[in-house]
Amino acid sequence: MPELPEVETAVRQLRRWVRRRRILAIEPLHRSQARTLSPARCRRIEGRRIVDVTRRGKHQLLHLDDGATLLVHFRLDGEWVRPAGAEPRHARVAFALDDGRVLYLTDPRALCTITWHAPGAPPELALGPEPEDPALTAAGLRERLQRKRGPIKPVLLDQRLLAGVGNIYAQEACWIAGISPKAPADGLSLARVARLLAGLRRTLADGHVNAGRYHRGQRRIPFKVYDRAGEPCARCLTPIRRITQAGRGTWYCTRCQR
């Protein structure tokens, strides 16, 4: 699943492609999109100019010149494609733009979403602060964690706690901080929360530089624990272990992360 750094990469690329472009036509190409992009809503979108593209957590927002907003979520496998030729495989929505190009939202699982929000009624996103927000302090994060129950790694995936943190970066941050993914979220000391927040910021900063997952390629710098079961820990050489938490895979070092 694309996480915050990968979505930020997508937003920057999309902004270069569509900012100040007019949408001549929009067409849902799959029944999953036709439910939210009705013919009436498509008519409201057509002819509008895209004035900006922004991001909140893992959500992408296309701001139109009439004040309306298109809210886009990649879910597991969404991606923007702007081919020079034929319609790409797994195309779900097509945007014909006034530069003569067609932009596609693709997704092999058809889970991606686009929703239209009327002028004056922006999307209401129940999201917490982003880890990179300078206003977020270790004390503030600890206060939020003390209201949560359960192991820290699954808790970090709650977008109401922290926006944009996904499965991969949560476990990478736990490794950097030396915290077990099984540690109770509401029992972490202020010092450990400070290390965790620093770990989140460090791994997300690294993700912004090495956001190759969005392009389905290999990162130039491998992850420290993610998808490395049986390989030696980069810190202590103990074999990395994989467990399942809340239905998601978690990789960690049993020696470094107690």
C-alpha atoms as a PDB file:
ATOM      1  CA  MET A   1       0.000   0.000   0.000  1.00  0.00           C
ATOM      2  CA  PRO A   2       1.369   3.447  -0.826  1.00  0.00           C
ATOM      3  CA  GLU A   3       2.150   5.246   2.422  1.00  0.00           C
ATOM      4  CA  LEU A   4       2.698   8.925   3.202  1.00  0.00           C
ATOM      5  CA  PRO A   5       6.021   9.367   1.326  1.00  0.00           C
ATOM      6  CA  GLU A   6       4.738   7.502  -1.729  1.00  0.00           C
ATOM      7  CA  VAL A   7       1.492   9.494  -1.782  1.00  0.00           C
ATOM      8  CA  GLU A   8       3.484  12.719  -1.427  1.00  0.00           C
ATOM      9  CA  THR A   9       5.559  11.663  -4.448  1.00  0.00           C
ATOM     10  CA  ALA A  10       2.342  10.998  -6.360  1.00  0.00           C
ATOM     11  CA  VAL A  11       0.916  14.392  -5.391  1.00  0.00           C
ATOM     12  CA  ARG A  12       4.001  16.235  -6.572  1.00  0.00           C
ATOM     13  CA  GLN A  13       3.944  14.396  -9.870  1.00  0.00           C
ATOM     14  CA  LEU A  14       0.208  14.929 -10.304  1.00  0.00           C
ATOM     15  CA  ARG A  15       0.558  18.633  -9.526  1.00  0.00           C
ATOM     16  CA  ARG A  16       3.084  18.978 -12.353  1.00  0.00           C
ATOM     17  CA  TRP A  17       0.707  17.212 -14.756  1.00  0.00           C
ATOM     18  CA  VAL A  18      -2.633  18.819 -13.955  1.00  0.00           C
ATOM     19  CA  ARG A  19      -2.230  22.147 -12.178  1.00  0.00           C
ATOM     20  CA  ARG A  20      -4.064  24.865 -14.163  1.00  0.00           C
ATOM     21  CA  ARG A  21      -5.350  22.248 -16.614  1.00  0.00           C
ATOM     22  CA  ARG A  22      -9.041  22.139 -17.509  1.00  0.00           C
ATOM     23  CA  ILE A  23     -10.956  18.842 -17.298  1.00  0.00           C
ATOM     24  CA  LEU A  24     -12.688  18.403 -20.644  1.00  0.00           C
ATOM     25  CA  ALA A  25     -14.239  15.048 -19.726  1.00  0.00           C
ATOM     26  CA  ILE A  26     -14.182  12.545 -16.874  1.00  0.00           C
ATOM     27  CA  GLU A  27     -15.269   8.932 -17.329  1.00  0.00           C
ATOM     28  CA  PRO A  28     -15.565   6.176 -14.709  1.00  0.00           C
ATOM     29  CA  LEU A  29     -14.337   2.960 -16.324  1.00  0.00           C
ATOM     30  CA  HIS A  30     -15.362   0.520 -13.591  1.00  0.00           C
ATOM     31  CA  ARG A  31     -18.583   0.012 -11.658  1.00  0.00           C
ATOM     32  CA  SER A  32     -16.759   0.728  -8.380  1.00  0.00           C
ATOM     33  CA  GLN A  33     -16.182   4.299  -9.574  1.00  0.00           C
ATOM     34  CA  ALA A  34     -19.559   4.735 -11.223  1.00  0.00           C
ATOM     35  CA  ARG A  35     -21.171   4.579  -7.784  1.00  0.00           C
ATOM     36  CA  THR A  36     -19.520   7.834  -6.667  1.00  0.00           C
ATOM     37  CA  LEU A  37     -19.013   9.488 -10.068  1.00  0.00           C
ATOM     38  CA  SER A  38     -22.592   9.597 -11.342  1.00  0.00           C
ATOM     39  CA  PRO A  39     -23.375  11.216 -14.714  1.00  0.00           C
ATOM     40  CA  ALA A  40     -24.676  14.300 -12.880  1.00  0.00           C
ATOM     41  CA  ARG A  41     -21.475  14.646 -10.849  1.00  0.00           C
ATOM     42  CA  CYS A  42     -19.309  14.094 -13.909  1.00  0.00           C
ATOM     43  CA  ARG A  43     -21.143  16.970 -15.595  1.00  0.00           C
ATOM     44  CA  ARG A  44     -20.361  19.164 -12.553  1.00  0.00           C
ATOM     45  CA  ILE A  45     -16.661  18.298 -12.893  1.00  0.00           C
ATOM     46  CA  GLU A  46     -16.342  18.683 -16.662  1.00  0.00           C
ATOM     47  CA  GLY A  47     -15.172  22.118 -17.746  1.00  0.00           C
ATOM     48  CA  ARG A  48     -13.621  22.906 -14.370  1.00  0.00           C
ATOM     49  CA  ARG A  49      -9.976  23.895 -14.006  1.00  0.00           C
ATOM     50  CA  ILE A  50      -7.706  22.226 -11.433  1.00  0.00           C
ATOM     51  CA  VAL A  51      -6.170  25.062  -9.426  1.00  0.00           C
ATOM     52  CA  ASP A  52      -4.048  22.953  -7.063  1.00  0.00           C
ATOM     53  CA  VAL A  53      -3.319  19.463  -5.758  1.00  0.00           C
ATOM     54  CA  THR A  54      -2.659  18.951  -2.038  1.00  0.00           C
ATOM     55  CA  ARG A  55      -2.373  16.063   0.412  1.00  0.00           C
ATOM     56  CA  ARG A  56      -3.720  15.267   3.887  1.00  0.00           C
ATOM     57  CA  GLY A  57      -2.380  12.007   5.277  1.00  0.00           C
ATOM     58  CA  LYS A  58      -2.779   9.450   2.482  1.00  0.00           C
ATOM     59  CA  HIS A  59      -5.592  11.441   0.828  1.00  0.00           C
ATOM     60  CA  GLN A  60      -5.075  13.516  -2.319  1.00  0.00           C
ATOM     61  CA  LEU A  61      -7.207  16.601  -2.880  1.00  0.00           C
ATOM     62  CA  LEU A  62      -7.743  18.143  -6.321  1.00  0.00           C
ATOM     63  CA  HIS A  63      -9.070  21.675  -5.837  1.00  0.00           C
ATOM     64  CA  LEU A  64     -11.296  22.921  -8.665  1.00  0.00           C
ATOM     65  CA  ASP A  65     -11.859  26.520  -9.725  1.00  0.00           C
ATOM     66  CA  ASP A  66     -15.488  26.540  -8.567  1.00  0.00           C
ATOM     67  CA  GLY A  67     -14.489  25.620  -4.996  1.00  0.00           C
ATOM     68  CA  ALA A  68     -15.349  21.929  -5.324  1.00  0.00           C
ATOM     69  CA  THR A  69     -12.866  19.221  -4.317  1.00  0.00           C
ATOM     70  CA  LEU A  70     -12.076  15.777  -5.708  1.00  0.00           C
ATOM     71  CA  LEU A  71     -10.876  13.488  -2.917  1.00  0.00           C
ATOM     72  CA  VAL A  72      -8.693  10.614  -4.124  1.00  0.00           C
ATOM     73  CA  HIS A  73      -7.474   7.615  -2.147  1.00  0.00           C
ATOM     74  CA  PHE A  74      -5.188   4.995  -3.705  1.00  0.00           C
ATOM     75  CA  ARG A  75      -6.115   2.305  -1.135  1.00  0.00           C
ATOM     76  CA  LEU A  76      -3.804  -0.682  -1.821  1.00  0.00           C
ATOM     77  CA  ASP A  77      -2.631  -0.362  -5.408  1.00  0.00           C
ATOM     78  CA  GLY A  78      -3.850   2.891  -6.931  1.00  0.00           C
ATOM     79  CA  GLU A  79      -1.584   4.860  -9.233  1.00  0.00           C
ATOM     80  CA  TRP A  80      -1.710   7.791 -11.650  1.00  0.00           C
ATOM     81  CA  VAL A  81      -0.737   6.967 -15.243  1.00  0.00           C
ATOM     82  CA  ARG A  82      -0.420   9.352 -18.165  1.00  0.00           C
ATOM     83  CA  PRO A  83       0.373   7.147 -21.197  1.00  0.00           C
ATOM     84  CA  ALA A  84       1.315   8.429 -24.607  1.00  0.00           C
ATOM     85  CA  GLY A  85      -0.780   5.755 -26.314  1.00  0.00           C
ATOM     86  CA  ALA A  86      -3.503   3.259 -25.472  1.00  0.00           C
ATOM     87  CA  GLU A  87      -5.557   3.067 -22.292  1.00  0.00           C
ATOM     88  CA  PRO A  88      -3.494   1.318 -19.593  1.00  0.00           C
ATOM     89  CA  ARG A  89      -4.461  -1.961 -18.015  1.00  0.00           C
ATOM     90  CA  HIS A  90      -6.642  -1.682 -14.899  1.00  0.00           C
ATOM     91  CA  ALA A  91      -7.724   1.876 -15.744  1.00  0.00           C
ATOM     92  CA  ARG A  92     -10.587   2.882 -13.403  1.00  0.00           C
ATOM     93  CA  VAL A  93     -11.149   6.590 -14.146  1.00  0.00           C
ATOM     94  CA  ALA A  94     -10.096   8.661 -17.169  1.00  0.00           C
ATOM     95  CA  PHE A  95      -9.578  12.446 -17.184  1.00  0.00           C
ATOM     96  CA  ALA A  96      -9.345  14.132 -20.597  1.00  0.00           C
ATOM     97  CA  LEU A  97      -7.416  17.380 -20.112  1.00  0.00           C
ATOM     98  CA  ASP A  98      -7.107  20.507 -22.210  1.00  0.00           C
ATOM     99  CA  ASP A  99      -3.455  19.770 -23.063  1.00  0.00           C
ATOM    100  CA  GLY A 100      -4.604  16.858 -25.210  1.00  0.00           C
ATOM    101  CA  ARG A 101      -3.439  14.192 -22.722  1.00  0.00           C
ATOM    102  CA  VAL A 102      -5.561  11.651 -20.856  1.00  0.00           C
ATOM    103  CA  LEU A 103      -4.804  10.938 -17.208  1.00  0.00           C
ATOM    104  CA  TYR A 104      -5.851   7.604 -15.721  1.00  0.00           C
ATOM    105  CA  LEU A 105      -6.319   6.393 -12.172  1.00  0.00           C
ATOM    106  CA  THR A 106      -5.371   2.709 -12.305  1.00  0.00           C
ATOM    107  CA  ASP A 107      -5.819  -0.025  -9.714  1.00  0.00           C
ATOM    108  CA  PRO A 108      -5.711  -3.807 -10.328  1.00  0.00           C
ATOM    109  CA  ARG A 109      -7.975  -4.431  -7.301  1.00  0.00           C
ATOM    110  CA  ALA A 110     -10.423  -1.609  -8.119  1.00  0.00           C
ATOM    111  CA  LEU A 111     -10.358  -0.387  -4.500  1.00  0.00           C
ATOM    112  CA  CYS A 112      -9.217   3.186  -5.212  1.00  0.00           C
ATOM    113  CA  THR A 113     -11.795   5.930  -4.705  1.00  0.00           C
ATOM    114  CA  ILE A 114     -12.635   9.362  -6.106  1.00  0.00           C
ATOM    115  CA  THR A 115     -15.386  11.385  -4.485  1.00  0.00           C
ATOM    116  CA  TRP A 116     -16.696  14.840  -5.438  1.00  0.00           C
ATOM    117  CA  HIS A 117     -17.336  17.397  -2.691  1.00  0.00           C
ATOM    118  CA  ALA A 118     -19.416  20.466  -3.444  1.00  0.00           C
ATOM    119  CA  PRO A 119     -18.138  24.043  -3.166  1.00  0.00           C
ATOM    120  CA  GLY A 120     -18.235  25.146   0.449  1.00  0.00           C
ATOM    121  CA  ALA A 121     -18.397  21.538   1.692  1.00  0.00           C
ATOM    122  CA  PRO A 122     -14.797  20.255   1.806  1.00  0.00           C
ATOM    123  CA  PRO A 123     -14.136  16.639   2.818  1.00  0.00           C
ATOM    124  CA  GLU A 124     -14.360  16.009   6.542  1.00  0.00           C
ATOM    125  CA  LEU A 125     -11.340  13.840   7.298  1.00  0.00           C
ATOM    126  CA  ALA A 126     -11.117  12.411  10.822  1.00  0.00           C
ATOM    127  CA  LEU A 127      -7.333  12.451  10.858  1.00  0.00           C
ATOM    128  CA  GLY A 128      -4.789  13.107  13.554  1.00  0.00           C
ATOM    129  CA  PRO A 129      -1.675  15.243  13.107  1.00  0.00           C
ATOM    130  CA  GLU A 130       1.048  14.084  10.752  1.00  0.00           C
ATOM    131  CA  PRO A 131       4.284  12.912  12.418  1.00  0.00           C
ATOM    132  CA  GLU A 132       6.272  15.587  10.592  1.00  0.00           C
ATOM    133  CA  ASP A 133       4.099  18.385  11.968  1.00  0.00           C
ATOM    134  CA  PRO A 134       6.498  20.543  14.040  1.00  0.00           C
ATOM    135  CA  ALA A 135       3.649  21.312  16.457  1.00  0.00           C
ATOM    136  CA  LEU A 136       3.501  17.623  17.463  1.00  0.00           C
ATOM    137  CA  THR A 137       5.626  17.007  20.567  1.00  0.00           C
ATOM    138  CA  ALA A 138       6.592  13.806  22.329  1.00  0.00           C
ATOM    139  CA  ALA A 139       4.422  14.831  25.281  1.00  0.00           C
ATOM    140  CA  GLY A 140       1.480  15.444  22.974  1.00  0.00           C
ATOM    141  CA  LEU A 141       1.918  12.078  21.275  1.00  0.00           C
ATOM    142  CA  ARG A 142       2.226  10.314  24.630  1.00  0.00           C
ATOM    143  CA  GLU A 143      -1.028  11.909  25.780  1.00  0.00           C
ATOM    144  CA  ARG A 144      -2.738  10.580  22.632  1.00  0.00           C
ATOM    145  CA  LEU A 145      -1.228   7.108  23.093  1.00  0.00           C
ATOM    146  CA  GLN A 146      -2.397   6.912  26.709  1.00  0.00           C
ATOM    147  CA  ARG A 147      -5.972   6.895  25.417  1.00  0.00           C
ATOM    148  CA  LYS A 148      -5.264   3.822  23.272  1.00  0.00           C
ATOM    149  CA  ARG A 149      -5.294   0.140  24.145  1.00  0.00           C
ATOM    150  CA  GLY A 150      -3.276  -2.521  22.383  1.00  0.00           C
ATOM    151  CA  PRO A 151       0.234  -3.092  20.987  1.00  0.00           C
ATOM    152  CA  ILE A 152       2.019  -0.030  19.691  1.00  0.00           C
ATOM    153  CA  LYS A 153       2.495  -1.085  16.060  1.00  0.00           C
ATOM    154  CA  PRO A 154      -1.204  -1.689  15.269  1.00  0.00           C
ATOM    155  CA  VAL A 155      -2.113   1.441  17.248  1.00  0.00           C
ATOM    156  CA  LEU A 156       0.171   3.526  15.031  1.00  0.00           C
ATOM    157  CA  LEU A 157      -1.936   2.517  12.013  1.00  0.00           C
ATOM    158  CA  ASP A 158      -4.971   4.347  13.429  1.00  0.00           C
ATOM    159  CA  GLN A 159      -5.221   7.420  11.187  1.00  0.00           C
ATOM    160  CA  ARG A 160      -7.109   9.259  13.935  1.00  0.00           C
ATOM    161  CA  LEU A 161      -3.959   9.031  16.044  1.00  0.00           C
ATOM    162  CA  LEU A 162      -1.409   9.977  13.368  1.00  0.00           C
ATOM    163  CA  ALA A 163      -2.263  10.682   9.743  1.00  0.00           C
ATOM    164  CA  GLY A 164      -0.294   8.963   7.030  1.00  0.00           C
ATOM    165  CA  VAL A 165       1.518   6.260   9.020  1.00  0.00           C
ATOM    166  CA  GLY A 166       1.146   2.821   7.457  1.00  0.00           C
ATOM    167  CA  ASN A 167       2.262  -0.709   8.230  1.00  0.00           C
ATOM    168  CA  ILE A 168       5.765  -0.457   6.784  1.00  0.00           C
ATOM    169  CA  TYR A 169       6.837   2.849   8.289  1.00  0.00           C
ATOM    170  CA  ALA A 170       5.302   2.031  11.682  1.00  0.00           C
ATOM    171  CA  GLN A 171       7.479  -1.045  12.109  1.00  0.00           C
ATOM    172  CA  GLU A 172      10.557   0.719  10.722  1.00  0.00           C
ATOM    173  CA  ALA A 173      10.054   3.479  13.300  1.00  0.00           C
ATOM    174  CA  CYS A 174       9.720   0.923  16.103  1.00  0.00           C
ATOM    175  CA  TRP A 175      13.042  -0.619  15.045  1.00  0.00           C
ATOM    176  CA  ILE A 176      14.785   2.769  14.983  1.00  0.00           C
ATOM    177  CA  ALA A 177      13.389   3.544  18.454  1.00  0.00           C
ATOM    178  CA  GLY A 178      14.273   0.108  19.861  1.00  0.00           C
ATOM    179  CA  ILE A 179      10.652  -0.533  20.868  1.00  0.00           C
ATOM    180  CA  SER A 180       8.935  -3.888  20.497  1.00  0.00           C
ATOM    181  CA  PRO A 181       5.897  -3.738  18.199  1.00  0.00           C
ATOM    182  CA  LYS A 182       4.119  -5.691  20.958  1.00  0.00           C
ATOM    183  CA  ALA A 183       4.726  -3.058  23.661  1.00  0.00           C
ATOM    184  CA  PRO A 184       1.473  -1.632  25.129  1.00  0.00           C
ATOM    185  CA  ALA A 185       0.830   1.744  23.521  1.00  0.00           C
ATOM    186  CA  ASP A 186      -0.542   3.294  26.708  1.00  0.00           C
ATOM    187  CA  GLY A 187       2.455   2.189  28.790  1.00  0.00           C
ATOM    188  CA  LEU A 188       5.301   3.837  26.902  1.00  0.00           C
ATOM    189  CA  SER A 189       7.391   6.282  28.905  1.00  0.00           C
ATOM    190  CA  LEU A 190       7.922   9.828  27.666  1.00  0.00           C
ATOM    191  CA  ALA A 191      11.535   8.964  26.751  1.00  0.00           C
ATOM    192  CA  ARG A 192      10.414   5.996  24.641  1.00  0.00           C
ATOM    193  CA  VAL A 193       7.682   8.042  22.956  1.00  0.00           C
ATOM    194  CA  ALA A 194      10.289  10.694  22.135  1.00  0.00           C
ATOM    195  CA  ARG A 195      12.446   8.002  20.491  1.00  0.00           C
ATOM    196  CA  LEU A 196       9.403   6.698  18.637  1.00  0.00           C
ATOM    197  CA  LEU A 197       8.466  10.137  17.301  1.00  0.00           C
ATOM    198  CA  ALA A 198      12.059  10.698  16.205  1.00  0.00           C
ATOM    199  CA  GLY A 199      11.994   7.260  14.546  1.00  0.00           C
ATOM    200  CA  LEU A 200       8.794   8.089  12.678  1.00  0.00           C
ATOM    201  CA  ARG A 201      10.252  11.348  11.412  1.00  0.00           C
ATOM    202  CA  ARG A 202      13.506   9.683  10.408  1.00  0.00           C
ATOM    203  CA  THR A 203      11.922   6.816   8.501  1.00  0.00           C
ATOM    204  CA  LEU A 204       9.425   9.119   6.765  1.00  0.00           C
ATOM    205  CA  ALA A 205      12.240  11.478   5.777  1.00  0.00           C
ATOM    206  CA  ASP A 206      14.097   8.490   4.344  1.00  0.00           C
ATOM    207  CA  GLY A 207      10.903   7.460   2.549  1.00  0.00           C
ATOM    208  CA  HIS A 208      10.635  10.859   0.874  1.00  0.00           C
ATOM    209  CA  VAL A 209      14.138  10.336  -0.554  1.00  0.00           C
ATOM    210  CA  ASN A 210      13.627   6.675  -1.444  1.00  0.00           C
ATOM    211  CA  ALA A 211       9.944   6.513  -2.374  1.00  0.00           C
ATOM    212  CA  GLY A 212      10.520   3.844  -5.009  1.00  0.00           C
ATOM    213  CA  ARG A 213       7.591   1.713  -3.847  1.00  0.00           C
ATOM    214  CA  TYR A 214       5.245   4.139  -5.584  1.00  0.00           C
ATOM    215  CA  HIS A 215       6.898   3.240  -8.883  1.00  0.00           C
ATOM    216  CA  ARG A 216       6.853  -0.475  -8.004  1.00  0.00           C
ATOM    217  CA  GLY A 217      10.652  -0.590  -8.004  1.00  0.00           C
ATOM    218  CA  GLN A 218      13.289  -1.519  -5.461  1.00  0.00           C
ATOM    219  CA  ARG A 219      14.382   1.092  -2.953  1.00  0.00           C
ATOM    220  CA  ARG A 220      17.998   2.148  -3.309  1.00  0.00           C
ATOM    221  CA  ILE A 221      18.295   1.766   0.471  1.00  0.00           C
ATOM    222  CA  PRO A 222      16.490  -1.361   1.811  1.00  0.00           C
ATOM    223  CA  PHE A 223      14.138  -1.233   4.755  1.00  0.00           C
ATOM    224  CA  LYS A 224      15.678  -2.201   8.092  1.00  0.00           C
ATOM    225  CA  VAL A 225      13.139  -4.849   9.114  1.00  0.00           C
ATOM    226  CA  TYR A 226      10.182  -4.866   6.723  1.00  0.00           C
ATOM    227  CA  ASP A 227       9.990  -8.084   4.643  1.00  0.00           C
ATOM    228  CA  ARG A 228      13.354  -9.285   5.975  1.00  0.00           C
ATOM    229  CA  ALA A 229      12.355 -12.367   8.009  1.00  0.00           C
ATOM    230  CA  GLY A 230      15.390 -14.528   8.755  1.00  0.00           C
ATOM    231  CA  GLU A 231      17.879 -11.889   7.635  1.00  0.00           C
ATOM    232  CA  PRO A 232      20.338 -10.426  10.186  1.00  0.00           C
ATOM    233  CA  CYS A 233      19.376  -7.272  12.050  1.00  0.00           C
ATOM    234  CA  ALA A 234      21.420  -4.304  10.811  1.00  0.00           C
ATOM    235  CA  ARG A 235      22.253  -3.425  14.437  1.00  0.00           C
ATOM    236  CA  CYS A 236      22.925  -6.696  16.255  1.00  0.00           C
ATOM    237  CA  LEU A 237      22.803  -9.436  13.568  1.00  0.00           C
ATOM    238  CA  THR A 238      19.951 -11.296  15.307  1.00  0.00           C
ATOM    239  CA  PRO A 239      17.646 -12.844  12.667  1.00  0.00           C
ATOM    240  CA  ILE A 240      14.589 -10.703  11.982  1.00  0.00           C
ATOM    241  CA  ARG A 241      11.321 -12.341  13.047  1.00  0.00           C
ATOM    242  CA  ARG A 242       7.879 -12.033  11.441  1.00  0.00           C
ATOM    243  CA  ILE A 243       4.626 -12.109  13.420  1.00  0.00           C
ATOM    244  CA  THR A 244       1.038 -11.197  12.593  1.00  0.00           C
ATOM    245  CA  GLN A 245      -0.706  -8.310  14.362  1.00  0.00           C
ATOM    246  CA  ALA A 246      -4.306  -7.358  13.629  1.00  0.00           C
ATOM    247  CA  GLY A 247      -4.122  -9.320  10.383  1.00  0.00           C
ATOM    248  CA  ARG A 248      -0.991  -7.513   9.165  1.00  0.00           C
ATOM    249  CA  GLY A 249       2.584  -8.734   8.978  1.00  0.00           C
ATOM    250  CA  THR A 250       5.100  -7.264  11.430  1.00  0.00           C
ATOM    251  CA  TRP A 251       8.872  -7.701  11.198  1.00  0.00           C
ATOM    252  CA  TYR A 252      11.148  -6.879  14.140  1.00  0.00           C
ATOM    253  CA  CYS A 253      14.346  -7.783  15.991  1.00  0.00           C
ATOM    254  CA  THR A 254      13.707  -9.766  19.174  1.00  0.00           C
ATOM    255  CA  ARG A 255      16.966  -8.539  20.707  1.00  0.00           C
ATOM    256  CA  CYS A 256      17.013  -4.826  19.787  1.00  0.00           C
ATOM    257  CA  GLN A 257      13.285  -4.284  20.323  1.00  0.00           C
ATOM    258  CA  ARG A 258      12.329  -5.403  23.808  1.00  0.00           C
END
